Amino acid sequence: LLAGIVQALIEVATPAALVNSTYGQLVLAKIGLFGLVIGVAAYSRHLV
């Protein structure tokens, strides 16, 4: 997560580019999917 944030700050550069560029939209899609995974992982950790 930390590395992904640093990458996004370097490669996207501006908040507007995060929404208006294809690269930024793919980053947003990746973040959304990553959020789902974190939720499932939290459930697994709770069981452990």
All heavy atoms as atom14 arrays in JSON, in Angstrom:
{
  "sequence": "LLAGIVQALIEVATPAALVNSTYGQLVLAKIGLFGLVIGVAAYSRHLV",
  "atom14_mask": [
    [1, 1, 1, 1, 1, 1, 1, 1, 0, 0, 0, 0, 0, 0],
    [1, 1, 1, 1, 1, 1, 1, 1, 0, 0, 0, 0, 0, 0],
    [1, 1, 1, 1, 1, 0, 0, 0, 0, 0, 0, 0, 0, 0],
    [1, 1, 1, 1, 0, 0, 0, 0, 0, 0, 0, 0, 0, 0],
    [1, 1, 1, 1, 1, 1, 1, 1, 0, 0, 0, 0, 0, 0],
    [1, 1, 1, 1, 1, 1, 1, 0, 0, 0, 0, 0, 0, 0],
    [1, 1, 1, 1, 1, 1, 1, 1, 1, 0, 0, 0, 0, 0],
    [1, 1, 1, 1, 1, 0, 0, 0, 0, 0, 0, 0, 0, 0],
    [1, 1, 1, 1, 1, 1, 1, 1, 0, 0, 0, 0, 0, 0],
    [1, 1, 1, 1, 1, 1, 1, 1, 0, 0, 0, 0, 0, 0],
    [1, 1, 1, 1, 1, 1, 1, 1, 1, 0, 0, 0, 0, 0],
    [1, 1, 1, 1, 1, 1, 1, 0, 0, 0, 0, 0, 0, 0],
    [1, 1, 1, 1, 1, 0, 0, 0, 0, 0, 0, 0, 0, 0],
    [1, 1, 1, 1, 1, 1, 1, 0, 0, 0, 0, 0, 0, 0],
    [1, 1, 1, 1, 1, 1, 1, 0, 0, 0, 0, 0, 0, 0],
    [1, 1, 1, 1, 1, 0, 0, 0, 0, 0, 0, 0, 0, 0],
    [1, 1, 1, 1, 1, 0, 0, 0, 0, 0, 0, 0, 0, 0],
    [1, 1, 1, 1, 1, 1, 1, 1, 0, 0, 0, 0, 0, 0],
    [1, 1, 1, 1, 1, 1, 1, 0, 0, 0, 0, 0, 0, 0],
    [1, 1, 1, 1, 1, 1, 1, 1, 0, 0, 0, 0, 0, 0],
    [1, 1, 1, 1, 1, 1, 0, 0, 0, 0, 0, 0, 0, 0],
    [1, 1, 1, 1, 1, 1, 1, 0, 0, 0, 0, 0, 0, 0],
    [1, 1, 1, 1, 1, 1, 1, 1, 1, 1, 1, 1, 0, 0],
    [1, 1, 1, 1, 0, 0, 0, 0, 0, 0, 0, 0, 0, 0],
    [1, 1, 1, 1, 1, 1, 1, 1, 1, 0, 0, 0, 0, 0],
    [1, 1, 1, 1, 1, 1, 1, 1, 0, 0, 0, 0, 0, 0],
    [1, 1, 1, 1, 1, 1, 1, 0, 0, 0, 0, 0, 0, 0],
    [1, 1, 1, 1, 1, 1, 1, 1, 0, 0, 0, 0, 0, 0],
    [1, 1, 1, 1, 1, 0, 0, 0, 0, 0, 0, 0, 0, 0],
    [1, 1, 1, 1, 1, 1, 1, 1, 1, 0, 0, 0, 0, 0],
    [1, 1, 1, 1, 1, 1, 1, 1, 0, 0, 0, 0, 0, 0],
    [1, 1, 1, 1, 0, 0, 0, 0, 0, 0, 0, 0, 0, 0],
    [1, 1, 1, 1, 1, 1, 1, 1, 0, 0, 0, 0, 0, 0],
    [1, 1, 1, 1, 1, 1, 1, 1, 1, 1, 1, 0, 0, 0],
    [1, 1, 1, 1, 0, 0, 0, 0, 0, 0, 0, 0, 0, 0],
    [1, 1, 1, 1, 1, 1, 1, 1, 0, 0, 0, 0, 0, 0],
    [1, 1, 1, 1, 1, 1, 1, 0, 0, 0, 0, 0, 0, 0],
    [1, 1, 1, 1, 1, 1, 1, 1, 0, 0, 0, 0, 0, 0],
    [1, 1, 1, 1, 0, 0, 0, 0, 0, 0, 0, 0, 0, 0],
    [1, 1, 1, 1, 1, 1, 1, 0, 0, 0, 0, 0, 0, 0],
    [1, 1, 1, 1, 1, 0, 0, 0, 0, 0, 0, 0, 0, 0],
    [1, 1, 1, 1, 1, 0, 0, 0, 0, 0, 0, 0, 0, 0],
    [1, 1, 1, 1, 1, 1, 1, 1, 1, 1, 1, 1, 0, 0],
    [1, 1, 1, 1, 1, 1, 0, 0, 0, 0, 0, 0, 0, 0],
    [1, 1, 1, 1, 1, 1, 1, 1, 1, 1, 1, 0, 0, 0],
    [1, 1, 1, 1, 1, 1, 1, 1, 1, 1, 0, 0, 0, 0],
    [1, 1, 1, 1, 1, 1, 1, 1, 0, 0, 0, 0, 0, 0],
    [1, 1, 1, 1, 1, 1, 1, 0, 0, 0, 0, 0, 0, 0]
  ],
  "atom14_positions": [
    [[0.83, -1.21, 0.0], [0.0, 0.0, 0.0], [0.86, 1.26, 0.0], [0.63, 2.2, -0.77], [-0.91, -0.01, 1.23], [-1.92, 1.14, 1.35], [-2.87, 1.14, 0.16], [-2.71, 1.01, 2.65], [0.0, 0.0, 0.0], [0.0, 0.0, 0.0], [0.0, 0.0, 0.0], [0.0, 0.0, 0.0], [0.0, 0.0, 0.0], [0.0, 0.0, 0.0]],
    [[1.9, 1.28, 0.84], [2.77, 2.46, 0.91], [3.5, 2.68, -0.41], [3.58, 3.81, -0.91], [3.78, 2.28, 2.05], [4.75, 3.44, 2.28], [4.0, 4.71, 2.61], [5.74, 3.09, 3.39], [0.0, 0.0, 0.0], [0.0, 0.0, 0.0], [0.0, 0.0, 0.0], [0.0, 0.0, 0.0], [0.0, 0.0, 0.0], [0.0, 0.0, 0.0]],
    [[4.04, 1.6, -0.97], [4.75, 1.72, -2.25], [3.81, 2.18, -3.36], [4.18, 2.98, -4.22], [5.4, 0.39, -2.62], [0.0, 0.0, 0.0], [0.0, 0.0, 0.0], [0.0, 0.0, 0.0], [0.0, 0.0, 0.0], [0.0, 0.0, 0.0], [0.0, 0.0, 0.0], [0.0, 0.0, 0.0], [0.0, 0.0, 0.0], [0.0, 0.0, 0.0]],
    [[2.58, 1.67, -3.35], [1.6, 2.07, -4.36], [1.26, 3.55, -4.27], [1.1, 4.23, -5.29], [0.0, 0.0, 0.0], [0.0, 0.0, 0.0], [0.0, 0.0, 0.0], [0.0, 0.0, 0.0], [0.0, 0.0, 0.0], [0.0, 0.0, 0.0], [0.0, 0.0, 0.0], [0.0, 0.0, 0.0], [0.0, 0.0, 0.0], [0.0, 0.0, 0.0]],
    [[1.16, 4.07, -3.04], [0.87, 5.5, -2.87], [2.0, 6.35, -3.41], [1.78, 7.34, -4.12], [0.61, 5.8, -1.37], [-0.7, 5.15, -0.91], [0.57, 7.3, -1.13], [-0.94, 5.25, 0.58], [0.0, 0.0, 0.0], [0.0, 0.0, 0.0], [0.0, 0.0, 0.0], [0.0, 0.0, 0.0], [0.0, 0.0, 0.0], [0.0, 0.0, 0.0]],
    [[3.25, 5.96, -3.09], [4.4, 6.72, -3.58], [4.45, 6.68, -5.11], [4.69, 7.7, -5.77], [5.71, 6.18, -2.98], [6.92, 6.88, -3.59], [5.7, 6.36, -1.47], [0.0, 0.0, 0.0], [0.0, 0.0, 0.0], [0.0, 0.0, 0.0], [0.0, 0.0, 0.0], [0.0, 0.0, 0.0], [0.0, 0.0, 0.0], [0.0, 0.0, 0.0]],
    [[4.21, 5.49, -5.69], [4.2, 5.36, -7.15], [3.16, 6.28, -7.77], [3.42, 6.97, -8.77], [3.89, 3.92, -7.55], [5.07, 2.97, -7.47], [4.65, 1.58, -7.88], [3.66, 1.04, -7.39], [5.41, 0.99, -8.78], [0.0, 0.0, 0.0], [0.0, 0.0, 0.0], [0.0, 0.0, 0.0], [0.0, 0.0, 0.0], [0.0, 0.0, 0.0]],
    [[1.96, 6.28, -7.19], [0.88, 7.09, -7.75], [1.22, 8.58, -7.68], [0.96, 9.34, -8.62], [-0.42, 6.81, -7.0], [0.0, 0.0, 0.0], [0.0, 0.0, 0.0], [0.0, 0.0, 0.0], [0.0, 0.0, 0.0], [0.0, 0.0, 0.0], [0.0, 0.0, 0.0], [0.0, 0.0, 0.0], [0.0, 0.0, 0.0], [0.0, 0.0, 0.0]],
    [[1.83, 9.02, -6.56], [2.2, 10.43, -6.43], [3.21, 10.84, -7.5], [3.15, 11.95, -8.03], [2.78, 10.69, -5.04], [1.79, 10.64, -3.87], [2.53, 10.77, -2.54], [0.73, 11.74, -3.99], [0.0, 0.0, 0.0], [0.0, 0.0, 0.0], [0.0, 0.0, 0.0], [0.0, 0.0, 0.0], [0.0, 0.0, 0.0], [0.0, 0.0, 0.0]],
    [[4.13, 9.92, -7.82], [5.16, 10.25, -8.81], [4.6, 10.2, -10.22], [4.83, 11.1, -11.04], [6.35, 9.28, -8.68], [7.07, 9.5, -7.35], [7.33, 9.46, -9.84], [8.16, 8.49, -7.07], [0.0, 0.0, 0.0], [0.0, 0.0, 0.0], [0.0, 0.0, 0.0], [0.0, 0.0, 0.0], [0.0, 0.0, 0.0], [0.0, 0.0, 0.0]],
    [[3.84, 9.15, -10.55], [3.41, 8.94, -11.93], [2.16, 9.73, -12.31], [1.99, 10.09, -13.47], [3.16, 7.44, -12.18], [4.39, 6.55, -11.99], [5.45, 6.8, -13.05], [5.21, 7.57, -14.0], [6.55, 6.26, -12.9], [0.0, 0.0, 0.0], [0.0, 0.0, 0.0], [0.0, 0.0, 0.0], [0.0, 0.0, 0.0], [0.0, 0.0, 0.0]],
    [[1.27, 9.98, -11.35], [0.02, 10.7, -11.67], [0.23, 12.21, -11.56], [-0.27, 12.98, -12.38], [-1.13, 10.23, -10.75], [-2.39, 11.05, -11.01], [-1.41, 8.76, -10.98], [0.0, 0.0, 0.0], [0.0, 0.0, 0.0], [0.0, 0.0, 0.0], [0.0, 0.0, 0.0], [0.0, 0.0, 0.0], [0.0, 0.0, 0.0], [0.0, 0.0, 0.0]],
    [[0.94, 12.64, -10.53], [1.39, 14.03, -10.36], [0.3, 14.99, -9.87], [0.54, 15.78, -8.97], [2.01, 14.58, -11.64], [0.0, 0.0, 0.0], [0.0, 0.0, 0.0], [0.0, 0.0, 0.0], [0.0, 0.0, 0.0], [0.0, 0.0, 0.0], [0.0, 0.0, 0.0], [0.0, 0.0, 0.0], [0.0, 0.0, 0.0], [0.0, 0.0, 0.0]],
    [[-0.91, 14.96, -10.44], [-1.96, 15.91, -10.03], [-3.27, 15.18, -9.78], [-3.54, 14.15, -10.4], [-2.19, 16.98, -11.11], [-2.71, 16.35, -12.3], [-0.9, 17.71, -11.44], [0.0, 0.0, 0.0], [0.0, 0.0, 0.0], [0.0, 0.0, 0.0], [0.0, 0.0, 0.0], [0.0, 0.0, 0.0], [0.0, 0.0, 0.0], [0.0, 0.0, 0.0]],
    [[-4.13, 15.72, -8.89], [-5.43, 15.08, -8.65], [-6.29, 15.03, -9.92], [-7.02, 14.06, -10.14], [-6.07, 15.99, -7.58], [-4.91, 16.65, -6.9], [-3.87, 16.83, -7.96], [0.0, 0.0, 0.0], [0.0, 0.0, 0.0], [0.0, 0.0, 0.0], [0.0, 0.0, 0.0], [0.0, 0.0, 0.0], [0.0, 0.0, 0.0], [0.0, 0.0, 0.0]],
    [[-6.21, 16.07, -10.75], [-7.01, 16.09, -11.98], [-6.62, 14.94, -12.9], [-7.48, 14.3, -13.53], [-6.86, 17.42, -12.69], [0.0, 0.0, 0.0], [0.0, 0.0, 0.0], [0.0, 0.0, 0.0], [0.0, 0.0, 0.0], [0.0, 0.0, 0.0], [0.0, 0.0, 0.0], [0.0, 0.0, 0.0], [0.0, 0.0, 0.0], [0.0, 0.0, 0.0]],
    [[-5.31, 14.65, -12.99], [-4.84, 13.58, -13.86], [-5.3, 12.22, -13.38], [-5.44, 11.29, -14.16], [-3.31, 13.61, -13.95], [0.0, 0.0, 0.0], [0.0, 0.0, 0.0], [0.0, 0.0, 0.0], [0.0, 0.0, 0.0], [0.0, 0.0, 0.0], [0.0, 0.0, 0.0], [0.0, 0.0, 0.0], [0.0, 0.0, 0.0], [0.0, 0.0, 0.0]],
    [[-5.55, 12.09, -12.08], [-6.04, 10.83, -11.54], [-7.4, 10.47, -12.1], [-7.73, 9.3, -12.29], [-6.11, 10.91, -10.01], [-6.37, 9.62, -9.24], [-5.23, 8.63, -9.44], [-6.58, 9.9, -7.76], [0.0, 0.0, 0.0], [0.0, 0.0, 0.0], [0.0, 0.0, 0.0], [0.0, 0.0, 0.0], [0.0, 0.0, 0.0], [0.0, 0.0, 0.0]],
    [[-8.19, 11.49, -12.43], [-9.55, 11.27, -12.94], [-9.6, 11.36, -14.46], [-10.3, 10.58, -15.12], [-10.52, 12.3, -12.32], [-11.93, 12.12, -12.89], [-10.54, 12.19, -10.81], [0.0, 0.0, 0.0], [0.0, 0.0, 0.0], [0.0, 0.0, 0.0], [0.0, 0.0, 0.0], [0.0, 0.0, 0.0], [0.0, 0.0, 0.0], [0.0, 0.0, 0.0]],
    [[-8.81, 12.26, -15.04], [-8.95, 12.56, -16.47], [-8.06, 11.75, -17.38], [-8.24, 11.77, -18.6], [-8.67, 14.06, -16.7], [-9.68, 14.96, -16.01], [-10.83, 14.57, -15.85], [-9.25, 16.14, -15.59], [0.0, 0.0, 0.0], [0.0, 0.0, 0.0], [0.0, 0.0, 0.0], [0.0, 0.0, 0.0], [0.0, 0.0, 0.0], [0.0, 0.0, 0.0]],
    [[-7.07, 11.05, -16.86], [-6.17, 10.27, -17.7], [-6.49, 8.78, -17.6], [-7.02, 8.31, -16.58], [-4.71, 10.5, -17.29], [-4.45, 9.94, -16.02], [0.0, 0.0, 0.0], [0.0, 0.0, 0.0], [0.0, 0.0, 0.0], [0.0, 0.0, 0.0], [0.0, 0.0, 0.0], [0.0, 0.0, 0.0], [0.0, 0.0, 0.0], [0.0, 0.0, 0.0]],
    [[-6.16, 8.05, -18.67], [-6.36, 6.6, -18.65], [-5.52, 5.96, -17.56], [-5.98, 5.05, -16.86], [-5.98, 6.0, -20.02], [-6.76, 6.62, -21.04], [-6.2, 4.5, -20.04], [0.0, 0.0, 0.0], [0.0, 0.0, 0.0], [0.0, 0.0, 0.0], [0.0, 0.0, 0.0], [0.0, 0.0, 0.0], [0.0, 0.0, 0.0], [0.0, 0.0, 0.0]],
    [[-4.29, 6.43, -17.4], [-3.42, 5.88, -16.36], [-4.04, 6.08, -14.98], [-4.08, 5.16, -14.16], [-2.05, 6.58, -16.44], [-0.99, 5.95, -15.57], [-0.13, 4.99, -16.07], [-0.84, 6.34, -14.24], [0.85, 4.42, -15.27], [0.13, 5.77, -13.43], [0.97, 4.82, -13.95], [1.93, 4.26, -13.16], [0.0, 0.0, 0.0], [0.0, 0.0, 0.0]],
    [[-4.53, 7.3, -14.7], [-5.15, 7.58, -13.41], [-6.39, 6.73, -13.17], [-6.62, 6.25, -12.05], [0.0, 0.0, 0.0], [0.0, 0.0, 0.0], [0.0, 0.0, 0.0], [0.0, 0.0, 0.0], [0.0, 0.0, 0.0], [0.0, 0.0, 0.0], [0.0, 0.0, 0.0], [0.0, 0.0, 0.0], [0.0, 0.0, 0.0], [0.0, 0.0, 0.0]],
    [[-7.19, 6.52, -14.21], [-8.39, 5.69, -14.05], [-8.04, 4.24, -13.75], [-8.72, 3.58, -12.97], [-9.24, 5.8, -15.31], [-9.88, 7.18, -15.5], [-10.37, 7.42, -16.92], [-10.28, 6.54, -17.78], [-10.85, 8.62, -17.18], [0.0, 0.0, 0.0], [0.0, 0.0, 0.0], [0.0, 0.0, 0.0], [0.0, 0.0, 0.0], [0.0, 0.0, 0.0]],
    [[-6.97, 3.75, -14.38], [-6.51, 2.39, -14.06], [-6.01, 2.31, -12.62], [-6.22, 1.3, -11.93], [-5.42, 1.96, -15.03], [-5.88, 1.6, -16.45], [-4.67, 1.42, -17.37], [-6.73, 0.33, -16.44], [0.0, 0.0, 0.0], [0.0, 0.0, 0.0], [0.0, 0.0, 0.0], [0.0, 0.0, 0.0], [0.0, 0.0, 0.0], [0.0, 0.0, 0.0]],
    [[-5.34, 3.35, -12.16], [-4.89, 3.39, -10.76], [-6.09, 3.35, -9.82], [-6.09, 2.62, -8.81], [-4.04, 4.65, -10.5], [-3.8, 4.84, -9.0], [-2.7, 4.54, -11.22], [0.0, 0.0, 0.0], [0.0, 0.0, 0.0], [0.0, 0.0, 0.0], [0.0, 0.0, 0.0], [0.0, 0.0, 0.0], [0.0, 0.0, 0.0], [0.0, 0.0, 0.0]],
    [[-7.14, 4.11, -10.14], [-8.35, 4.1, -9.31], [-9.0, 2.71, -9.3], [-9.48, 2.24, -8.25], [-9.34, 5.14, -9.82], [-8.96, 6.61, -9.6], [-10.01, 7.53, -10.24], [-8.84, 6.92, -8.11], [0.0, 0.0, 0.0], [0.0, 0.0, 0.0], [0.0, 0.0, 0.0], [0.0, 0.0, 0.0], [0.0, 0.0, 0.0], [0.0, 0.0, 0.0]],
    [[-9.04, 2.06, -10.47], [-9.59, 0.7, -10.53], [-8.78, -0.25, -9.66], [-9.34, -1.09, -8.94], [-9.63, 0.21, -11.98], [0.0, 0.0, 0.0], [0.0, 0.0, 0.0], [0.0, 0.0, 0.0], [0.0, 0.0, 0.0], [0.0, 0.0, 0.0], [0.0, 0.0, 0.0], [0.0, 0.0, 0.0], [0.0, 0.0, 0.0], [0.0, 0.0, 0.0]],
    [[-7.47, -0.11, -9.71], [-6.59, -0.96, -8.9], [-6.82, -0.71, -7.42], [-6.84, -1.65, -6.61], [-5.14, -0.69, -9.29], [-4.14, -1.67, -8.72], [-2.74, -1.4, -9.28], [-1.72, -2.34, -8.66], [-0.36, -2.08, -9.19], [0.0, 0.0, 0.0], [0.0, 0.0, 0.0], [0.0, 0.0, 0.0], [0.0, 0.0, 0.0], [0.0, 0.0, 0.0]],
    [[-7.0, 0.56, -7.04], [-7.25, 0.89, -5.63], [-8.57, 0.28, -5.16], [-8.66, -0.27, -4.06], [-7.27, 2.43, -5.45], [-5.86, 3.0, -5.64], [-7.79, 2.8, -4.07], [-5.81, 4.51, -5.67], [0.0, 0.0, 0.0], [0.0, 0.0, 0.0], [0.0, 0.0, 0.0], [0.0, 0.0, 0.0], [0.0, 0.0, 0.0], [0.0, 0.0, 0.0]],
    [[-9.61, 0.37, -6.02], [-10.89, -0.22, -5.65], [-10.82, -1.72, -5.44], [-11.35, -2.26, -4.46], [0.0, 0.0, 0.0], [0.0, 0.0, 0.0], [0.0, 0.0, 0.0], [0.0, 0.0, 0.0], [0.0, 0.0, 0.0], [0.0, 0.0, 0.0], [0.0, 0.0, 0.0], [0.0, 0.0, 0.0], [0.0, 0.0, 0.0], [0.0, 0.0, 0.0]],
    [[-10.15, -2.4, -6.36], [-9.99, -3.85, -6.22], [-9.14, -4.18, -4.99], [-9.41, -5.15, -4.27], [-9.33, -4.42, -7.48], [-10.2, -4.4, -8.74], [-9.35, -4.71, -9.97], [-11.33, -5.42, -8.62], [0.0, 0.0, 0.0], [0.0, 0.0, 0.0], [0.0, 0.0, 0.0], [0.0, 0.0, 0.0], [0.0, 0.0, 0.0], [0.0, 0.0, 0.0]],
    [[-8.11, -3.38, -4.76], [-7.25, -3.61, -3.6], [-8.04, -3.44, -2.31], [-7.83, -4.18, -1.34], [-6.08, -2.63, -3.64], [-5.0, -2.91, -2.64], [-4.16, -4.0, -2.8], [-4.82, -2.09, -1.54], [-3.17, -4.27, -1.88], [-3.83, -2.35, -0.62], [-3.0, -3.44, -0.79], [0.0, 0.0, 0.0], [0.0, 0.0, 0.0], [0.0, 0.0, 0.0]],
    [[-8.97, -2.47, -2.28], [-9.81, -2.3, -1.11], [-10.64, -3.54, -0.82], [-10.82, -3.94, 0.35], [0.0, 0.0, 0.0], [0.0, 0.0, 0.0], [0.0, 0.0, 0.0], [0.0, 0.0, 0.0], [0.0, 0.0, 0.0], [0.0, 0.0, 0.0], [0.0, 0.0, 0.0], [0.0, 0.0, 0.0], [0.0, 0.0, 0.0], [0.0, 0.0, 0.0]],
    [[-11.19, -4.17, -1.88], [-11.95, -5.42, -1.68], [-11.07, -6.51, -1.09], [-11.48, -7.23, -0.18], [-12.52, -5.88, -3.02], [-13.65, -5.04, -3.63], [-14.04, -5.62, -4.99], [-14.87, -5.05, -2.7], [0.0, 0.0, 0.0], [0.0, 0.0, 0.0], [0.0, 0.0, 0.0], [0.0, 0.0, 0.0], [0.0, 0.0, 0.0], [0.0, 0.0, 0.0]],
    [[-9.85, -6.61, -1.6], [-8.94, -7.64, -1.1], [-8.6, -7.39, 0.37], [-8.53, -8.33, 1.17], [-7.65, -7.66, -1.95], [-6.63, -8.62, -1.36], [-7.97, -8.06, -3.37], [0.0, 0.0, 0.0], [0.0, 0.0, 0.0], [0.0, 0.0, 0.0], [0.0, 0.0, 0.0], [0.0, 0.0, 0.0], [0.0, 0.0, 0.0], [0.0, 0.0, 0.0]],
    [[-8.38, -6.13, 0.73], [-8.07, -5.8, 2.12], [-9.21, -6.22, 3.03], [-9.0, -6.74, 4.14], [-7.8, -4.29, 2.27], [-6.49, -3.91, 1.56], [-7.73, -3.89, 3.73], [-5.27, -4.53, 2.17], [0.0, 0.0, 0.0], [0.0, 0.0, 0.0], [0.0, 0.0, 0.0], [0.0, 0.0, 0.0], [0.0, 0.0, 0.0], [0.0, 0.0, 0.0]],
    [[-10.45, -6.02, 2.57], [-11.6, -6.43, 3.37], [-11.63, -7.93, 3.6], [-11.88, -8.4, 4.73], [0.0, 0.0, 0.0], [0.0, 0.0, 0.0], [0.0, 0.0, 0.0], [0.0, 0.0, 0.0], [0.0, 0.0, 0.0], [0.0, 0.0, 0.0], [0.0, 0.0, 0.0], [0.0, 0.0, 0.0], [0.0, 0.0, 0.0], [0.0, 0.0, 0.0]],
    [[-11.37, -8.7, 2.54], [-11.36, -10.16, 2.68], [-10.2, -10.59, 3.57], [-10.33, -11.48, 4.41], [-11.25, -10.83, 1.29], [-11.18, -12.34, 1.44], [-12.45, -10.44, 0.42], [0.0, 0.0, 0.0], [0.0, 0.0, 0.0], [0.0, 0.0, 0.0], [0.0, 0.0, 0.0], [0.0, 0.0, 0.0], [0.0, 0.0, 0.0], [0.0, 0.0, 0.0]],
    [[-9.03, -9.95, 3.4], [-7.87, -10.29, 4.22], [-8.12, -9.97, 5.7], [-7.67, -10.71, 6.58], [-6.64, -9.53, 3.72], [0.0, 0.0, 0.0], [0.0, 0.0, 0.0], [0.0, 0.0, 0.0], [0.0, 0.0, 0.0], [0.0, 0.0, 0.0], [0.0, 0.0, 0.0], [0.0, 0.0, 0.0], [0.0, 0.0, 0.0], [0.0, 0.0, 0.0]],
    [[-8.81, -8.89, 5.97], [-9.14, -8.54, 7.35], [-10.03, -9.62, 7.98], [-9.88, -9.96, 9.17], [-9.83, -7.18, 7.4], [0.0, 0.0, 0.0], [0.0, 0.0, 0.0], [0.0, 0.0, 0.0], [0.0, 0.0, 0.0], [0.0, 0.0, 0.0], [0.0, 0.0, 0.0], [0.0, 0.0, 0.0], [0.0, 0.0, 0.0], [0.0, 0.0, 0.0]],
    [[-10.95, -10.15, 7.2], [-11.82, -11.24, 7.69], [-10.97, -12.47, 8.02], [-11.15, -13.1, 9.09], [-12.86, -11.57, 6.63], [-13.66, -12.83, 6.92], [-14.58, -12.86, 7.96], [-13.48, -13.97, 6.15], [-15.31, -14.01, 8.23], [-14.2, -15.12, 6.4], [-15.11, -15.14, 7.45], [-15.83, -16.28, 7.71], [0.0, 0.0, 0.0], [0.0, 0.0, 0.0]],
    [[-10.01, -12.81, 7.15], [-9.14, -13.95, 7.41], [-8.31, -13.73, 8.68], [-8.13, -14.64, 9.5], [-8.2, -14.2, 6.22], [-8.93, -14.46, 5.05], [0.0, 0.0, 0.0], [0.0, 0.0, 0.0], [0.0, 0.0, 0.0], [0.0, 0.0, 0.0], [0.0, 0.0, 0.0], [0.0, 0.0, 0.0], [0.0, 0.0, 0.0], [0.0, 0.0, 0.0]],
    [[-7.78, -12.54, 8.83], [-6.97, -12.23, 10.01], [-7.8, -12.31, 11.28], [-7.32, -12.75, 12.34], [-6.36, -10.83, 9.85], [-5.35, -10.45, 10.92], [-4.61, -9.18, 10.52], [-3.74, -8.7, 11.59], [-2.53, -9.19, 11.84], [-2.06, -10.18, 11.1], [-1.79, -8.69, 12.81], [0.0, 0.0, 0.0], [0.0, 0.0, 0.0], [0.0, 0.0, 0.0]],
    [[-9.08, -11.89, 11.18], [-9.98, -12.01, 12.33], [-10.14, -13.47, 12.74], [-10.12, -13.79, 13.94], [-11.34, -11.4, 11.97], [-12.41, -11.67, 12.98], [-12.47, -11.04, 14.21], [-13.47, -12.54, 12.94], [-13.51, -11.5, 14.89], [-14.14, -12.39, 14.14], [0.0, 0.0, 0.0], [0.0, 0.0, 0.0], [0.0, 0.0, 0.0], [0.0, 0.0, 0.0]],
    [[-10.29, -14.37, 11.77], [-10.43, -15.79, 12.08], [-9.16, -16.34, 12.75], [-9.24, -17.15, 13.67], [-10.72, -16.57, 10.81], [-12.06, -16.29, 10.12], [-12.2, -17.14, 8.85], [-13.23, -16.58, 11.06], [0.0, 0.0, 0.0], [0.0, 0.0, 0.0], [0.0, 0.0, 0.0], [0.0, 0.0, 0.0], [0.0, 0.0, 0.0], [0.0, 0.0, 0.0]],
    [[-8.01, -15.87, 12.26], [-6.74, -16.33, 12.86], [-6.61, -15.85, 14.29], [-6.22, -16.6, 15.18], [-5.55, -15.84, 12.01], [-4.23, -16.13, 12.71], [-5.57, -16.5, 10.64], [0.0, 0.0, 0.0], [0.0, 0.0, 0.0], [0.0, 0.0, 0.0], [0.0, 0.0, 0.0], [0.0, 0.0, 0.0], [0.0, 0.0, 0.0], [0.0, 0.0, 0.0]]
  ]
}
